[in-house]
């Protein structure tokens, strides 16, 4: 492989190979933007799951409170 000279407009073969590799088609899941959106999607699903769990818990607690027998608190 020939080295690139500082003042020469010619490029080494390695530069051309790197350029051609950069232009070659890649899979859609190899893009950094796709990976970022996948992480964001997972985070959103986890937050939604947590919100659903809290909602179920508080609904269960409210149902238990409402099903308590009538007790006279103030006598």
PDB file of N, CA and C in Angstrom:
ATOM      1  N   UNK A   1       0.835  -1.162   0.000  1.00  0.00           N
ATOM      2  CA  UNK A   1       0.000   0.000   0.000  1.00  0.00           C
ATOM      3  C   UNK A   1       0.891   1.241   0.000  1.00  0.00           C
ATOM      4  N   UNK A   2       0.618   2.141  -0.912  1.00  0.00           N
ATOM      5  CA  UNK A   2       1.416   3.354  -1.035  1.00  0.00           C
ATOM      6  C   UNK A   2       0.937   4.407  -0.046  1.00  0.00           C
ATOM      7  N   UNK A   3       1.896   5.105   0.559  1.00  0.00           N
ATOM      8  CA  UNK A   3       1.525   6.141   1.511  1.00  0.00           C
ATOM      9  C   UNK A   3       1.171   7.426   0.790  1.00  0.00           C
ATOM     10  N   UNK A   4       0.287   8.172   1.374  1.00  0.00           N
ATOM     11  CA  UNK A   4      -0.153   9.426   0.795  1.00  0.00           C
ATOM     12  C   UNK A   4       0.881  10.510   1.110  1.00  0.00           C
ATOM     13  N   UNK A   5       1.296  11.246   0.084  1.00  0.00           N
ATOM     14  CA  UNK A   5       2.230  12.345   0.296  1.00  0.00           C
ATOM     15  C   UNK A   5       1.448  13.589   0.670  1.00  0.00           C
ATOM     16  N   UNK A   6       2.069  14.460   1.431  1.00  0.00           N
ATOM     17  CA  UNK A   6       1.375  15.634   1.937  1.00  0.00           C
ATOM     18  C   UNK A   6       0.945  16.595   0.830  1.00  0.00           C
ATOM     19  N   UNK A   7       1.807  16.856  -0.131  1.00  0.00           N
ATOM     20  CA  UNK A   7       1.511  17.841  -1.168  1.00  0.00           C
ATOM     21  C   UNK A   7       0.955  17.220  -2.441  1.00  0.00           C
ATOM     22  N   UNK A   8       0.808  15.922  -2.467  1.00  0.00           N
ATOM     23  CA  UNK A   8       0.361  15.245  -3.668  1.00  0.00           C
ATOM     24  C   UNK A   8      -1.168  15.130  -3.689  1.00  0.00           C
ATOM     25  N   UNK A   9      -1.792  15.397  -4.846  1.00  0.00           N
ATOM     26  CA  UNK A   9      -3.254  15.250  -4.928  1.00  0.00           C
ATOM     27  C   UNK A   9      -3.689  13.789  -5.054  1.00  0.00           C
ATOM     28  N   UNK A  10      -2.731  12.888  -5.292  1.00  0.00           N
ATOM     29  CA  UNK A  10      -3.069  11.473  -5.418  1.00  0.00           C
ATOM     30  C   UNK A  10      -3.381  10.888  -4.054  1.00  0.00           C
ATOM     31  N   UNK A  11      -4.198   9.872  -4.076  1.00  0.00           N
ATOM     32  CA  UNK A  11      -4.572   9.216  -2.825  1.00  0.00           C
ATOM     33  C   UNK A  11      -4.107   7.767  -2.862  1.00  0.00           C
ATOM     34  N   UNK A  12      -3.940   7.215  -1.715  1.00  0.00           N
ATOM     35  CA  UNK A  12      -3.521   5.817  -1.614  1.00  0.00           C
ATOM     36  C   UNK A  12      -4.708   4.897  -1.869  1.00  0.00           C
ATOM     37  N   UNK A  13      -4.426   3.665  -2.211  1.00  0.00           N
ATOM     38  CA  UNK A  13      -5.487   2.691  -2.463  1.00  0.00           C
ATOM     39  C   UNK A  13      -6.344   2.448  -1.230  1.00  0.00           C
ATOM     40  N   UNK A  14      -5.728   2.484  -0.080  1.00  0.00           N
ATOM     41  CA  UNK A  14      -6.467   2.268   1.165  1.00  0.00           C
ATOM     42  C   UNK A  14      -7.561   3.303   1.348  1.00  0.00           C
ATOM     43  N   UNK A  15      -7.296   4.557   0.938  1.00  0.00           N
ATOM     44  CA  UNK A  15      -8.318   5.599   1.039  1.00  0.00           C
ATOM     45  C   UNK A  15      -9.503   5.269   0.157  1.00  0.00           C
ATOM     46  N   UNK A  16      -9.223   4.761  -1.053  1.00  0.00           N
ATOM     47  CA  UNK A  16     -10.308   4.418  -1.973  1.00  0.00           C
ATOM     48  C   UNK A  16     -11.138   3.259  -1.420  1.00  0.00           C
ATOM     49  N   UNK A  17     -10.465   2.298  -0.814  1.00  0.00           N
ATOM     50  CA  UNK A  17     -11.190   1.168  -0.229  1.00  0.00           C
ATOM     51  C   UNK A  17     -12.083   1.620   0.924  1.00  0.00           C
ATOM     52  N   UNK A  18     -11.560   2.506   1.756  1.00  0.00           N
ATOM     53  CA  UNK A  18     -12.373   3.029   2.851  1.00  0.00           C
ATOM     54  C   UNK A  18     -13.576   3.799   2.311  1.00  0.00           C
ATOM     55  N   UNK A  19     -13.362   4.550   1.237  1.00  0.00           N
ATOM     56  CA  UNK A  19     -14.454   5.312   0.626  1.00  0.00           C
ATOM     57  C   UNK A  19     -15.512   4.369   0.070  1.00  0.00           C
ATOM     58  N   UNK A  20     -15.094   3.302  -0.596  1.00  0.00           N
ATOM     59  CA  UNK A  20     -16.039   2.355  -1.172  1.00  0.00           C
ATOM     60  C   UNK A  20     -16.789   1.593  -0.065  1.00  0.00           C
ATOM     61  N   UNK A  21     -16.102   1.280   1.035  1.00  0.00           N
ATOM     62  CA  UNK A  21     -16.777   0.619   2.154  1.00  0.00           C
ATOM     63  C   UNK A  21     -17.834   1.531   2.768  1.00  0.00           C
ATOM     64  N   UNK A  22     -17.536   2.822   2.833  1.00  0.00           N
ATOM     65  CA  UNK A  22     -18.498   3.772   3.394  1.00  0.00           C
ATOM     66  C   UNK A  22     -19.730   3.882   2.507  1.00  0.00           C
ATOM     67  N   UNK A  23     -19.567   3.697   1.200  1.00  0.00           N
ATOM     68  CA  UNK A  23     -20.691   3.794   0.275  1.00  0.00           C
ATOM     69  C   UNK A  23     -21.478   2.492   0.156  1.00  0.00           C
ATOM     70  N   UNK A  24     -20.899   1.399   0.624  1.00  0.00           N
ATOM     71  CA  UNK A  24     -21.565   0.106   0.460  1.00  0.00           C
ATOM     72  C   UNK A  24     -22.843   0.063   1.294  1.00  0.00           C
ATOM     73  N   UNK A  25     -23.855  -0.647   0.801  1.00  0.00           N
ATOM     74  CA  UNK A  25     -25.118  -0.716   1.553  1.00  0.00           C
ATOM     75  C   UNK A  25     -24.944  -1.483   2.852  1.00  0.00           C
ATOM     76  N   UNK A  26     -25.594  -0.999   3.857  1.00  0.00           N
ATOM     77  CA  UNK A  26     -25.550  -1.663   5.155  1.00  0.00           C
ATOM     78  C   UNK A  26     -26.963  -2.044   5.541  1.00  0.00           C
ATOM     79  N   UNK A  27     -27.053  -2.904   6.524  1.00  0.00           N
ATOM     80  CA  UNK A  27     -28.365  -3.307   7.027  1.00  0.00           C
ATOM     81  C   UNK A  27     -29.042  -2.146   7.745  1.00  0.00           C
ATOM     82  N   UNK A  28     -30.356  -2.123   7.771  1.00  0.00           N
ATOM     83  CA  UNK A  28     -31.064  -1.003   8.403  1.00  0.00           C
ATOM     84  C   UNK A  28     -30.865  -0.930   9.908  1.00  0.00           C
ATOM     85  N   UNK A  29     -30.497  -2.029  10.545  1.00  0.00           N
ATOM     86  CA  UNK A  29     -30.314  -2.012  11.990  1.00  0.00           C
ATOM     87  C   UNK A  29     -28.905  -1.621  12.410  1.00  0.00           C
ATOM     88  N   UNK A  30     -28.026  -1.335  11.449  1.00  0.00           N
ATOM     89  CA  UNK A  30     -26.661  -0.948  11.775  1.00  0.00           C
ATOM     90  C   UNK A  30     -26.518   0.562  11.957  1.00  0.00           C
ATOM     91  N   UNK A  31     -27.523   1.324  11.603  1.00  0.00           N
ATOM     92  CA  UNK A  31     -27.449   2.773  11.725  1.00  0.00           C
ATOM     93  C   UNK A  31     -27.539   3.182  13.192  1.00  0.00           C
ATOM     94  N   UNK A  32     -26.789   4.206  13.573  1.00  0.00           N
ATOM     95  CA  UNK A  32     -26.798   4.682  14.960  1.00  0.00           C
ATOM     96  C   UNK A  32     -28.157   5.259  15.325  1.00  0.00           C
ATOM     97  N   UNK A  33     -28.814   5.912  14.375  1.00  0.00           N
ATOM     98  CA  UNK A  33     -30.117   6.515  14.639  1.00  0.00           C
ATOM     99  C   UNK A  33     -31.156   5.443  14.967  1.00  0.00           C
ATOM    100  N   UNK A  34     -31.090   4.305  14.290  1.00  0.00           N
ATOM    101  CA  UNK A  34     -32.029   3.209  14.546  1.00  0.00           C
ATOM    102  C   UNK A  34     -31.808   2.659  15.951  1.00  0.00           C
ATOM    103  N   UNK A  35     -30.561   2.512  16.348  1.00  0.00           N
ATOM    104  CA  UNK A  35     -30.267   2.008  17.684  1.00  0.00           C
ATOM    105  C   UNK A  35     -30.770   2.973  18.752  1.00  0.00           C
ATOM    106  N   UNK A  36     -30.633   4.265  18.498  1.00  0.00           N
ATOM    107  CA  UNK A  36     -31.115   5.263  19.450  1.00  0.00           C
ATOM    108  C   UNK A  36     -32.617   5.159  19.610  1.00  0.00           C
ATOM    109  N   UNK A  37     -33.336   5.043  18.499  1.00  0.00           N
ATOM    110  CA  UNK A  37     -34.796   4.949  18.571  1.00  0.00           C
ATOM    111  C   UNK A  37     -35.239   3.653  19.224  1.00  0.00           C
ATOM    112  N   UNK A  38     -34.470   2.579  19.070  1.00  0.00           N
ATOM    113  CA  UNK A  38     -34.808   1.326  19.744  1.00  0.00           C
ATOM    114  C   UNK A  38     -34.692   1.482  21.263  1.00  0.00           C
ATOM    115  N   UNK A  39     -33.649   2.169  21.709  1.00  0.00           N
ATOM    116  CA  UNK A  39     -33.470   2.402  23.147  1.00  0.00           C
ATOM    117  C   UNK A  39     -34.600   3.281  23.679  1.00  0.00           C
ATOM    118  N   UNK A  40     -34.953   4.324  22.925  1.00  0.00           N
ATOM    119  CA  UNK A  40     -36.045   5.200  23.332  1.00  0.00           C
ATOM    120  C   UNK A  40     -37.360   4.424  23.397  1.00  0.00           C
ATOM    121  N   UNK A  41     -37.589   3.547  22.423  1.00  0.00           N
ATOM    122  CA  UNK A  41     -38.807   2.742  22.416  1.00  0.00           C
ATOM    123  C   UNK A  41     -38.886   1.812  23.614  1.00  0.00           C
ATOM    124  N   UNK A  42     -37.767   1.186  23.949  1.00  0.00           N
ATOM    125  CA  UNK A  42     -37.752   0.304  25.118  1.00  0.00           C
ATOM    126  C   UNK A  42     -38.030   1.090  26.393  1.00  0.00           C
ATOM    127  N   UNK A  43     -37.430   2.260  26.501  1.00  0.00           N
ATOM    128  CA  UNK A  43     -37.668   3.101  27.680  1.00  0.00           C
ATOM    129  C   UNK A  43     -39.123   3.515  27.791  1.00  0.00           C
ATOM    130  N   UNK A  44     -39.728   3.874  26.666  1.00  0.00           N
ATOM    131  CA  UNK A  44     -41.138   4.265  26.668  1.00  0.00           C
ATOM    132  C   UNK A  44     -42.022   3.103  27.099  1.00  0.00           C
ATOM    133  N   UNK A  45     -41.726   1.914  26.597  1.00  0.00           N
ATOM    134  CA  UNK A  45     -42.513   0.745  26.995  1.00  0.00           C
ATOM    135  C   UNK A  45     -42.358   0.439  28.485  1.00  0.00           C
ATOM    136  N   UNK A  46     -41.156   0.602  29.013  1.00  0.00           N
ATOM    137  CA  UNK A  46     -40.954   0.365  30.439  1.00  0.00           C
ATOM    138  C   UNK A  46     -41.712   1.377  31.290  1.00  0.00           C
ATOM    139  N   UNK A  47     -41.712   2.636  30.876  1.00  0.00           N
ATOM    140  CA  UNK A  47     -42.455   3.659  31.609  1.00  0.00           C
ATOM    141  C   UNK A  47     -43.948   3.358  31.555  1.00  0.00           C
ATOM    142  N   UNK A  48     -44.450   2.971  30.378  1.00  0.00           N
ATOM    143  CA  UNK A  48     -45.872   2.644  30.247  1.00  0.00           C
ATOM    144  C   UNK A  48     -46.231   1.437  31.109  1.00  0.00           C
ATOM    145  N   UNK A  49     -45.368   0.428  31.142  1.00  0.00           N
ATOM    146  CA  UNK A  49     -45.613  -0.745  31.975  1.00  0.00           C
ATOM    147  C   UNK A  49     -45.639  -0.370  33.454  1.00  0.00           C
ATOM    148  N   UNK A  50     -44.708   0.480  33.862  1.00  0.00           N
ATOM    149  CA  UNK A  50     -44.692   0.946  35.257  1.00  0.00           C
ATOM    150  C   UNK A  50     -45.948   1.727  35.606  1.00  0.00           C
ATOM    151  N   UNK A  51     -46.408   2.585  34.695  1.00  0.00           N
ATOM    152  CA  UNK A  51     -47.636   3.351  34.937  1.00  0.00           C
ATOM    153  C   UNK A  51     -48.838   2.417  35.051  1.00  0.00           C
ATOM    154  N   UNK A  52     -48.893   1.405  34.205  1.00  0.00           N
ATOM    155  CA  UNK A  52     -50.001   0.428  34.278  1.00  0.00           C
ATOM    156  C   UNK A  52     -49.969  -0.343  35.592  1.00  0.00           C
ATOM    157  N   UNK A  53     -48.781  -0.710  36.046  1.00  0.00           N
ATOM    158  CA  UNK A  53     -48.672  -1.445  37.311  1.00  0.00           C
ATOM    159  C   UNK A  53     -49.137  -0.574  38.475  1.00  0.00           C
ATOM    160  N   UNK A  54     -48.732   0.697  38.492  1.00  0.00           N
ATOM    161  CA  UNK A  54     -49.171   1.599  39.559  1.00  0.00           C
ATOM    162  C   UNK A  54     -50.680   1.818  39.517  1.00  0.00           C
ATOM    163  N   UNK A  55     -51.216   1.966  38.330  1.00  0.00           N
ATOM    164  CA  UNK A  55     -52.654   2.165  38.190  1.00  0.00           C
ATOM    165  C   UNK A  55     -53.409   0.930  38.696  1.00  0.00           C
ATOM    166  N   UNK A  56     -52.945  -0.247  38.358  1.00  0.00           N
ATOM    167  CA  UNK A  56     -53.579  -1.478  38.827  1.00  0.00           C
ATOM    168  C   UNK A  56     -53.504  -1.567  40.348  1.00  0.00           C
ATOM    169  N   UNK A  57     -52.337  -1.233  40.901  1.00  0.00           N
ATOM    170  CA  UNK A  57     -52.165  -1.315  42.352  1.00  0.00           C
ATOM    171  C   UNK A  57     -53.128  -0.369  43.064  1.00  0.00           C
ATOM    172  N   UNK A  58     -53.190   0.895  42.625  1.00  0.00           N
ATOM    173  CA  UNK A  58     -54.062   1.856  43.296  1.00  0.00           C
ATOM    174  C   UNK A  58     -55.535   1.521  43.081  1.00  0.00           C
ATOM    175  N   UNK A  59     -55.885   0.997  41.923  1.00  0.00           N
ATOM    176  CA  UNK A  59     -57.263   0.569  41.697  1.00  0.00           C
ATOM    177  C   UNK A  59     -57.611  -0.591  42.625  1.00  0.00           C
ATOM    178  N   UNK A  60     -56.675  -1.502  42.814  1.00  0.00           N
ATOM    179  CA  UNK A  60     -56.887  -2.635  43.721  1.00  0.00           C
ATOM    180  C   UNK A  60     -57.063  -2.144  45.154  1.00  0.00           C
ATOM    181  N   UNK A  61     -56.235  -1.183  45.577  1.00  0.00           N
ATOM    182  CA  UNK A  61     -56.328  -0.641  46.931  1.00  0.00           C
ATOM    183  C   UNK A  61     -57.662   0.071  47.118  1.00  0.00           C
ATOM    184  N   UNK A  62     -58.089   0.861  46.132  1.00  0.00           N
ATOM    185  CA  UNK A  62     -59.385   1.553  46.232  1.00  0.00           C
ATOM    186  C   UNK A  62     -60.528   0.552  46.303  1.00  0.00           C
ATOM    187  N   UNK A  63     -60.464  -0.510  45.538  1.00  0.00           N
ATOM    188  CA  UNK A  63     -61.512  -1.531  45.583  1.00  0.00           C
ATOM    189  C   UNK A  63     -61.549  -2.210  46.939  1.00  0.00           C
ATOM    190  N   UNK A  64     -60.392  -2.451  47.537  1.00  0.00           N
ATOM    191  CA  UNK A  64     -60.346  -3.060  48.865  1.00  0.00           C
ATOM    192  C   UNK A  64     -60.934  -2.121  49.914  1.00  0.00           C
ATOM    193  N   UNK A  65     -60.625  -0.828  49.805  1.00  0.00           N
ATOM    194  CA  UNK A  65     -61.172   0.137  50.758  1.00  0.00           C
ATOM    195  C   UNK A  65     -62.685   0.217  50.631  1.00  0.00           C
ATOM    196  N   UNK A  66     -63.183   0.228  49.398  1.00  0.00           N
ATOM    197  CA  UNK A  66     -64.623   0.324  49.192  1.00  0.00           C
ATOM    198  C   UNK A  66     -65.354  -0.942  49.611  1.00  0.00           C
ATOM    199  N   UNK A  67     -64.678  -2.067  49.630  1.00  0.00           N
ATOM    200  CA  UNK A  67     -65.336  -3.311  50.004  1.00  0.00           C
ATOM    201  C   UNK A  67     -65.268  -3.595  51.503  1.00  0.00           C
ATOM    202  N   UNK A  68     -64.661  -2.707  52.275  1.00  0.00           N
ATOM    203  CA  UNK A  68     -64.626  -2.891  53.729  1.00  0.00           C
ATOM    204  C   UNK A  68     -66.040  -2.764  54.288  1.00  0.00           C
ATOM    205  N   UNK A  69     -66.320  -3.497  55.298  1.00  0.00           N
ATOM    206  CA  UNK A  69     -67.650  -3.350  55.899  1.00  0.00           C
ATOM    207  C   UNK A  69     -67.793  -1.968  56.523  1.00  0.00           C
ATOM    208  N   UNK A  70     -69.012  -1.514  56.573  1.00  0.00           N
ATOM    209  CA  UNK A  70     -69.265  -0.188  57.116  1.00  0.00           C
ATOM    210  C   UNK A  70     -68.925  -0.189  58.595  1.00  0.00           C
ATOM    211  N   UNK A  71     -67.996   0.677  58.952  1.00  0.00           N
ATOM    212  CA  UNK A  71     -67.577   0.801  60.341  1.00  0.00           C
ATOM    213  C   UNK A  71     -67.829   2.237  60.753  1.00  0.00           C
ATOM    214  N   UNK A  72     -68.445   2.421  61.861  1.00  0.00           N
ATOM    215  CA  UNK A  72     -68.694   3.760  62.358  1.00  0.00           C
ATOM    216  C   UNK A  72     -67.424   4.227  63.039  1.00  0.00           C
ATOM    217  N   UNK A  73     -66.832   5.258  62.482  1.00  0.00           N
ATOM    218  CA  UNK A  73     -65.561   5.740  63.014  1.00  0.00           C
ATOM    219  C   UNK A  73     -65.813   6.691  64.171  1.00  0.00           C
ATOM    220  N   UNK A  74     -66.750   7.593  63.956  1.00  0.00           N
ATOM    221  CA  UNK A  74     -67.027   8.590  64.990  1.00  0.00           C
ATOM    222  C   UNK A  74     -68.249   8.149  65.788  1.00  0.00           C
ATOM    223  N   UNK A  75     -68.069   7.859  67.043  1.00  0.00           N
ATOM    224  CA  UNK A  75     -69.223   7.443  67.861  1.00  0.00           C
ATOM    225  C   UNK A  75     -69.532   8.468  68.910  1.00  0.00           C
TER     226      UNK A  75
END
